[in-house]
């Protein structure tokens, strides 16, 4: 998807984009930087959302001294969501996976533009342009914008589960800005500190 040079820069900044052998958790042997994690695992439209997730978790990984330890075991689309399995992570990045998974529901899986409809057979979201190729094949429902992540989390201090809400709108606004960028502009944005 990106050039070898761009992939090298991305992996240098985000070492967890390096493809790994899932049995040994070591980098793939004879790797030539022709791809990064996510390239062959995700619908193309989800790639920018995934890379923004990688940027968002970086400060928490650095703070927890976990940047070189964090590894993805699997990255995929599941039930119309971006799903990222990993080999353990620090509490500092706890909410980010849910935020970016929530955003992915609102993203066209083909082109990455904001989605307007979701198929009701094989779950997938599409924008007005990309839906044209599937319009007669499935039943469609409009996507209602909802950028609040709701979940329950265990509180160690009270020894109880509590309800939490996270506002995903700032991450969505960042995504909308990035989806309009060229690949080169987007890579430069990711590499900024």
C-alpha atoms as a PDB file:
ATOM      1  CA  UNK A   1       0.000   0.000   0.000  1.00  0.00           C
ATOM      2  CA  UNK A   2       2.830   2.384   0.897  1.00  0.00           C
ATOM      3  CA  UNK A   3       6.374   2.524  -0.470  1.00  0.00           C
ATOM      4  CA  UNK A   4       9.285   0.641   1.071  1.00  0.00           C
ATOM      5  CA  UNK A   5      10.728   3.957   2.329  1.00  0.00           C
ATOM      6  CA  UNK A   6       7.418   4.994   3.890  1.00  0.00           C
ATOM      7  CA  UNK A   7       7.057   1.570   5.537  1.00  0.00           C
ATOM      8  CA  UNK A   8      10.569   1.842   7.006  1.00  0.00           C
ATOM      9  CA  UNK A   9       9.733   5.249   8.500  1.00  0.00           C
ATOM     10  CA  UNK A  10       6.417   3.993   9.894  1.00  0.00           C
ATOM     11  CA  UNK A  11       8.022   0.931  11.499  1.00  0.00           C
ATOM     12  CA  UNK A  12      10.805   3.073  12.961  1.00  0.00           C
ATOM     13  CA  UNK A  13       8.195   5.339  14.594  1.00  0.00           C
ATOM     14  CA  UNK A  14       5.745   2.538  15.435  1.00  0.00           C
ATOM     15  CA  UNK A  15       7.768  -0.671  15.955  1.00  0.00           C
ATOM     16  CA  UNK A  16       4.554  -2.639  16.539  1.00  0.00           C
ATOM     17  CA  UNK A  17       3.813  -2.341  12.787  1.00  0.00           C
ATOM     18  CA  UNK A  18       6.668  -4.767  12.106  1.00  0.00           C
ATOM     19  CA  UNK A  19       5.270  -8.118  10.913  1.00  0.00           C
ATOM     20  CA  UNK A  20       6.039 -10.871  13.427  1.00  0.00           C
ATOM     21  CA  UNK A  21       6.110 -14.647  13.552  1.00  0.00           C
ATOM     22  CA  UNK A  22       3.157 -15.387  15.855  1.00  0.00           C
ATOM     23  CA  UNK A  23       4.831 -18.503  17.274  1.00  0.00           C
ATOM     24  CA  UNK A  24       8.046 -16.792  18.329  1.00  0.00           C
ATOM     25  CA  UNK A  25       6.879 -13.134  18.461  1.00  0.00           C
ATOM     26  CA  UNK A  26      10.074 -12.289  16.608  1.00  0.00           C
ATOM     27  CA  UNK A  27      10.195 -10.128  13.449  1.00  0.00           C
ATOM     28  CA  UNK A  28       9.607 -11.972  10.170  1.00  0.00           C
ATOM     29  CA  UNK A  29      12.920 -13.188   8.729  1.00  0.00           C
ATOM     30  CA  UNK A  30      14.217 -11.591   5.538  1.00  0.00           C
ATOM     31  CA  UNK A  31      11.611  -8.858   5.779  1.00  0.00           C
ATOM     32  CA  UNK A  32      12.005  -6.306   2.973  1.00  0.00           C
ATOM     33  CA  UNK A  33       9.619  -3.566   4.202  1.00  0.00           C
ATOM     34  CA  UNK A  34       7.249  -4.164   1.299  1.00  0.00           C
ATOM     35  CA  UNK A  35       4.289  -4.125   3.705  1.00  0.00           C
ATOM     36  CA  UNK A  36       3.370  -3.313   7.309  1.00  0.00           C
ATOM     37  CA  UNK A  37       0.938  -4.905   9.756  1.00  0.00           C
ATOM     38  CA  UNK A  38      -2.591  -4.348   8.520  1.00  0.00           C
ATOM     39  CA  UNK A  39      -1.778  -4.216   4.793  1.00  0.00           C
ATOM     40  CA  UNK A  40      -2.969  -7.748   4.018  1.00  0.00           C
ATOM     41  CA  UNK A  41      -5.223  -8.101   7.041  1.00  0.00           C
ATOM     42  CA  UNK A  42      -7.691  -5.226   6.731  1.00  0.00           C
ATOM     43  CA  UNK A  43     -10.091  -3.827   4.180  1.00  0.00           C
ATOM     44  CA  UNK A  44      -8.226  -0.959   2.513  1.00  0.00           C
ATOM     45  CA  UNK A  45     -10.741   1.565   3.831  1.00  0.00           C
ATOM     46  CA  UNK A  46      -9.822   0.725   7.450  1.00  0.00           C
ATOM     47  CA  UNK A  47      -6.069   1.258   7.041  1.00  0.00           C
ATOM     48  CA  UNK A  48      -5.981   4.959   7.970  1.00  0.00           C
ATOM     49  CA  UNK A  49      -8.145   4.348  11.023  1.00  0.00           C
ATOM     50  CA  UNK A  50      -5.756   1.583  12.111  1.00  0.00           C
ATOM     51  CA  UNK A  51      -2.695   3.798  11.593  1.00  0.00           C
ATOM     52  CA  UNK A  52      -4.311   6.621  13.597  1.00  0.00           C
ATOM     53  CA  UNK A  53      -4.860   4.079  16.377  1.00  0.00           C
ATOM     54  CA  UNK A  54      -1.142   3.251  16.184  1.00  0.00           C
ATOM     55  CA  UNK A  55      -0.323   6.951  16.536  1.00  0.00           C
ATOM     56  CA  UNK A  56      -2.776   7.411  19.426  1.00  0.00           C
ATOM     57  CA  UNK A  57      -1.332   4.588  21.545  1.00  0.00           C
ATOM     58  CA  UNK A  58       2.321   5.554  21.070  1.00  0.00           C
ATOM     59  CA  UNK A  59       2.543   8.113  23.953  1.00  0.00           C
ATOM     60  CA  UNK A  60       0.993   5.637  26.416  1.00  0.00           C
ATOM     61  CA  UNK A  61       3.338   2.879  25.294  1.00  0.00           C
ATOM     62  CA  UNK A  62       6.351   5.176  25.709  1.00  0.00           C
ATOM     63  CA  UNK A  63       5.175   6.321  29.138  1.00  0.00           C
ATOM     64  CA  UNK A  64       4.791   2.701  30.269  1.00  0.00           C
ATOM     65  CA  UNK A  65       8.143   1.717  28.700  1.00  0.00           C
ATOM     66  CA  UNK A  66       6.232  -0.721  26.481  1.00  0.00           C
ATOM     67  CA  UNK A  67       6.906   0.602  22.973  1.00  0.00           C
ATOM     68  CA  UNK A  68       9.279  -2.236  22.054  1.00  0.00           C
ATOM     69  CA  UNK A  69       7.211  -4.902  23.851  1.00  0.00           C
ATOM     70  CA  UNK A  70       3.791  -4.195  22.335  1.00  0.00           C
ATOM     71  CA  UNK A  71       2.893  -6.533  19.453  1.00  0.00           C
ATOM     72  CA  UNK A  72      -0.269  -7.232  17.492  1.00  0.00           C
ATOM     73  CA  UNK A  73      -1.193 -10.887  17.285  1.00  0.00           C
ATOM     74  CA  UNK A  74      -4.005 -10.255  14.798  1.00  0.00           C
ATOM     75  CA  UNK A  75      -5.610  -7.298  13.028  1.00  0.00           C
ATOM     76  CA  UNK A  76      -8.829  -7.767  11.094  1.00  0.00           C
ATOM     77  CA  UNK A  77     -12.334  -6.696  10.250  1.00  0.00           C
ATOM     78  CA  UNK A  78     -14.964  -8.576  12.234  1.00  0.00           C
ATOM     79  CA  UNK A  79     -18.684  -7.812  12.184  1.00  0.00           C
ATOM     80  CA  UNK A  80     -18.008  -4.519  10.405  1.00  0.00           C
ATOM     81  CA  UNK A  81     -15.486  -3.355  13.000  1.00  0.00           C
ATOM     82  CA  UNK A  82     -11.735  -2.924  13.163  1.00  0.00           C
ATOM     83  CA  UNK A  83     -10.509  -5.558  15.620  1.00  0.00           C
ATOM     84  CA  UNK A  84      -6.958  -5.582  16.994  1.00  0.00           C
ATOM     85  CA  UNK A  85      -5.726  -8.448  19.141  1.00  0.00           C
ATOM     86  CA  UNK A  86      -2.398  -7.988  20.888  1.00  0.00           C
ATOM     87  CA  UNK A  87       0.023  -9.767  23.190  1.00  0.00           C
ATOM     88  CA  UNK A  88      -0.731  -7.593  26.242  1.00  0.00           C
ATOM     89  CA  UNK A  89      -0.680  -3.857  26.800  1.00  0.00           C
ATOM     90  CA  UNK A  90      -0.387  -1.261  29.572  1.00  0.00           C
ATOM     91  CA  UNK A  91      -3.493   0.253  31.147  1.00  0.00           C
ATOM     92  CA  UNK A  92      -2.552   3.676  29.691  1.00  0.00           C
ATOM     93  CA  UNK A  93      -3.856   2.654  26.258  1.00  0.00           C
ATOM     94  CA  UNK A  94      -6.949   0.792  27.460  1.00  0.00           C
ATOM     95  CA  UNK A  95      -9.673   2.914  25.792  1.00  0.00           C
ATOM     96  CA  UNK A  96      -8.044   3.408  22.402  1.00  0.00           C
ATOM     97  CA  UNK A  97      -8.916   0.044  20.881  1.00  0.00           C
ATOM     98  CA  UNK A  98     -12.597   0.623  21.636  1.00  0.00           C
ATOM     99  CA  UNK A  99     -12.488   4.174  20.282  1.00  0.00           C
ATOM    100  CA  UNK A 100     -10.998   3.215  16.928  1.00  0.00           C
ATOM    101  CA  UNK A 101     -13.164   0.114  16.631  1.00  0.00           C
ATOM    102  CA  UNK A 102     -16.179   2.372  17.207  1.00  0.00           C
ATOM    103  CA  UNK A 103     -14.966   4.779  14.518  1.00  0.00           C
ATOM    104  CA  UNK A 104     -14.459   1.990  11.989  1.00  0.00           C
ATOM    105  CA  UNK A 105     -18.212   1.293  11.923  1.00  0.00           C
ATOM    106  CA  UNK A 106     -18.621   4.757  10.383  1.00  0.00           C
ATOM    107  CA  UNK A 107     -15.946   4.193   7.694  1.00  0.00           C
ATOM    108  CA  UNK A 108     -16.415   2.810   4.173  1.00  0.00           C
ATOM    109  CA  UNK A 109     -14.484  -0.448   4.006  1.00  0.00           C
ATOM    110  CA  UNK A 110     -13.550   0.135   0.366  1.00  0.00           C
ATOM    111  CA  UNK A 111     -12.314   3.731   0.184  1.00  0.00           C
ATOM    112  CA  UNK A 112     -12.154   5.016   3.780  1.00  0.00           C
ATOM    113  CA  UNK A 113     -14.628   7.888   3.342  1.00  0.00           C
ATOM    114  CA  UNK A 114     -17.386   8.372   5.922  1.00  0.00           C
ATOM    115  CA  UNK A 115     -19.939   5.578   5.512  1.00  0.00           C
ATOM    116  CA  UNK A 116     -23.644   6.243   5.110  1.00  0.00           C
ATOM    117  CA  UNK A 117     -25.122   2.709   4.981  1.00  0.00           C
ATOM    118  CA  UNK A 118     -24.493  -0.741   6.439  1.00  0.00           C
ATOM    119  CA  UNK A 119     -25.386  -3.988   4.700  1.00  0.00           C
ATOM    120  CA  UNK A 120     -27.654  -6.318   6.668  1.00  0.00           C
ATOM    121  CA  UNK A 121     -26.359  -9.618   5.260  1.00  0.00           C
ATOM    122  CA  UNK A 122     -22.592  -9.639   5.375  1.00  0.00           C
ATOM    123  CA  UNK A 123     -22.007  -6.701   7.713  1.00  0.00           C
ATOM    124  CA  UNK A 124     -20.101  -3.937   5.977  1.00  0.00           C
ATOM    125  CA  UNK A 125     -20.317  -0.140   5.816  1.00  0.00           C
ATOM    126  CA  UNK A 126     -20.088   1.829   2.591  1.00  0.00           C
ATOM    127  CA  UNK A 127     -20.106   5.438   1.431  1.00  0.00           C
ATOM    128  CA  UNK A 128     -22.565   6.769  -1.160  1.00  0.00           C
ATOM    129  CA  UNK A 129     -20.037   6.279  -3.993  1.00  0.00           C
ATOM    130  CA  UNK A 130     -18.967   2.707  -3.190  1.00  0.00           C
ATOM    131  CA  UNK A 131     -22.477   1.430  -2.412  1.00  0.00           C
ATOM    132  CA  UNK A 132     -23.445   1.854  -6.081  1.00  0.00           C
ATOM    133  CA  UNK A 133     -21.675  -1.381  -7.012  1.00  0.00           C
ATOM    134  CA  UNK A 134     -23.700  -3.368  -4.439  1.00  0.00           C
ATOM    135  CA  UNK A 135     -27.019  -1.501  -4.378  1.00  0.00           C
ATOM    136  CA  UNK A 136     -29.160  -4.363  -5.712  1.00  0.00           C
ATOM    137  CA  UNK A 137     -27.437  -7.204  -3.857  1.00  0.00           C
ATOM    138  CA  UNK A 138     -28.356  -6.683  -0.219  1.00  0.00           C
ATOM    139  CA  UNK A 139     -30.651  -4.941   2.207  1.00  0.00           C
ATOM    140  CA  UNK A 140     -29.225  -1.689   3.559  1.00  0.00           C
ATOM    141  CA  UNK A 141     -29.778   0.380   6.662  1.00  0.00           C
ATOM    142  CA  UNK A 142     -28.629   3.973   7.126  1.00  0.00           C
ATOM    143  CA  UNK A 143     -25.862   4.486   9.665  1.00  0.00           C
ATOM    144  CA  UNK A 144     -26.883   6.656  12.580  1.00  0.00           C
ATOM    145  CA  UNK A 145     -23.902   8.690  13.789  1.00  0.00           C
ATOM    146  CA  UNK A 146     -23.013   7.684  17.334  1.00  0.00           C
ATOM    147  CA  UNK A 147     -19.537   8.531  18.544  1.00  0.00           C
ATOM    148  CA  UNK A 148     -19.888   7.476  22.168  1.00  0.00           C
ATOM    149  CA  UNK A 149     -18.160   4.312  23.316  1.00  0.00           C
ATOM    150  CA  UNK A 150     -20.088   2.649  26.152  1.00  0.00           C
ATOM    151  CA  UNK A 151     -18.751  -0.235  28.199  1.00  0.00           C
ATOM    152  CA  UNK A 152     -18.299  -1.651  31.674  1.00  0.00           C
ATOM    153  CA  UNK A 153     -14.963  -1.786  33.446  1.00  0.00           C
ATOM    154  CA  UNK A 154     -13.865  -3.348  36.696  1.00  0.00           C
ATOM    155  CA  UNK A 155     -12.798  -0.840  39.355  1.00  0.00           C
ATOM    156  CA  UNK A 156     -10.148  -2.340  41.641  1.00  0.00           C
ATOM    157  CA  UNK A 157     -10.748   0.228  44.389  1.00  0.00           C
ATOM    158  CA  UNK A 158     -14.494  -0.434  44.727  1.00  0.00           C
ATOM    159  CA  UNK A 159     -14.297  -4.097  43.643  1.00  0.00           C
ATOM    160  CA  UNK A 160     -17.257  -3.482  41.311  1.00  0.00           C
ATOM    161  CA  UNK A 161     -17.985  -3.038  37.644  1.00  0.00           C
ATOM    162  CA  UNK A 162     -19.025   0.420  36.571  1.00  0.00           C
ATOM    163  CA  UNK A 163     -20.468   1.949  33.421  1.00  0.00           C
ATOM    164  CA  UNK A 164     -18.154   4.164  31.400  1.00  0.00           C
ATOM    165  CA  UNK A 165     -18.603   6.378  28.367  1.00  0.00           C
ATOM    166  CA  UNK A 166     -15.853   7.728  26.150  1.00  0.00           C
ATOM    167  CA  UNK A 167     -16.397  10.535  23.637  1.00  0.00           C
ATOM    168  CA  UNK A 168     -14.971   9.371  20.297  1.00  0.00           C
ATOM    169  CA  UNK A 169     -15.820  12.597  18.446  1.00  0.00           C
ATOM    170  CA  UNK A 170     -12.305  14.148  18.720  1.00  0.00           C
ATOM    171  CA  UNK A 171     -10.810  11.009  17.141  1.00  0.00           C
ATOM    172  CA  UNK A 172     -13.497  11.093  14.416  1.00  0.00           C
ATOM    173  CA  UNK A 173     -12.720  14.737  13.636  1.00  0.00           C
ATOM    174  CA  UNK A 174      -9.028  13.857  13.342  1.00  0.00           C
ATOM    175  CA  UNK A 175      -9.942  10.977  11.029  1.00  0.00           C
ATOM    176  CA  UNK A 176     -12.049  13.248   8.795  1.00  0.00           C
ATOM    177  CA  UNK A 177      -9.091  15.593   8.456  1.00  0.00           C
ATOM    178  CA  UNK A 178      -6.777  12.711   7.541  1.00  0.00           C
ATOM    179  CA  UNK A 179      -9.075  11.030   5.022  1.00  0.00           C
ATOM    180  CA  UNK A 180      -8.758  14.116   2.802  1.00  0.00           C
ATOM    181  CA  UNK A 181      -4.939  13.958   2.794  1.00  0.00           C
ATOM    182  CA  UNK A 182      -2.792  12.369   0.095  1.00  0.00           C
ATOM    183  CA  UNK A 183      -0.839   9.265   1.151  1.00  0.00           C
ATOM    184  CA  UNK A 184       2.337  11.322   1.482  1.00  0.00           C
ATOM    185  CA  UNK A 185       0.623  14.013   3.588  1.00  0.00           C
ATOM    186  CA  UNK A 186      -0.915  11.327   5.781  1.00  0.00           C
ATOM    187  CA  UNK A 187       2.414   9.554   6.358  1.00  0.00           C
ATOM    188  CA  UNK A 188       4.017  12.897   7.259  1.00  0.00           C
ATOM    189  CA  UNK A 189       1.157  13.575   9.686  1.00  0.00           C
ATOM    190  CA  UNK A 190       1.697  10.198  11.348  1.00  0.00           C
ATOM    191  CA  UNK A 191       5.432  10.831  11.676  1.00  0.00           C
ATOM    192  CA  UNK A 192       5.004  14.231  13.376  1.00  0.00           C
ATOM    193  CA  UNK A 193       5.507  14.396  17.114  1.00  0.00           C
END
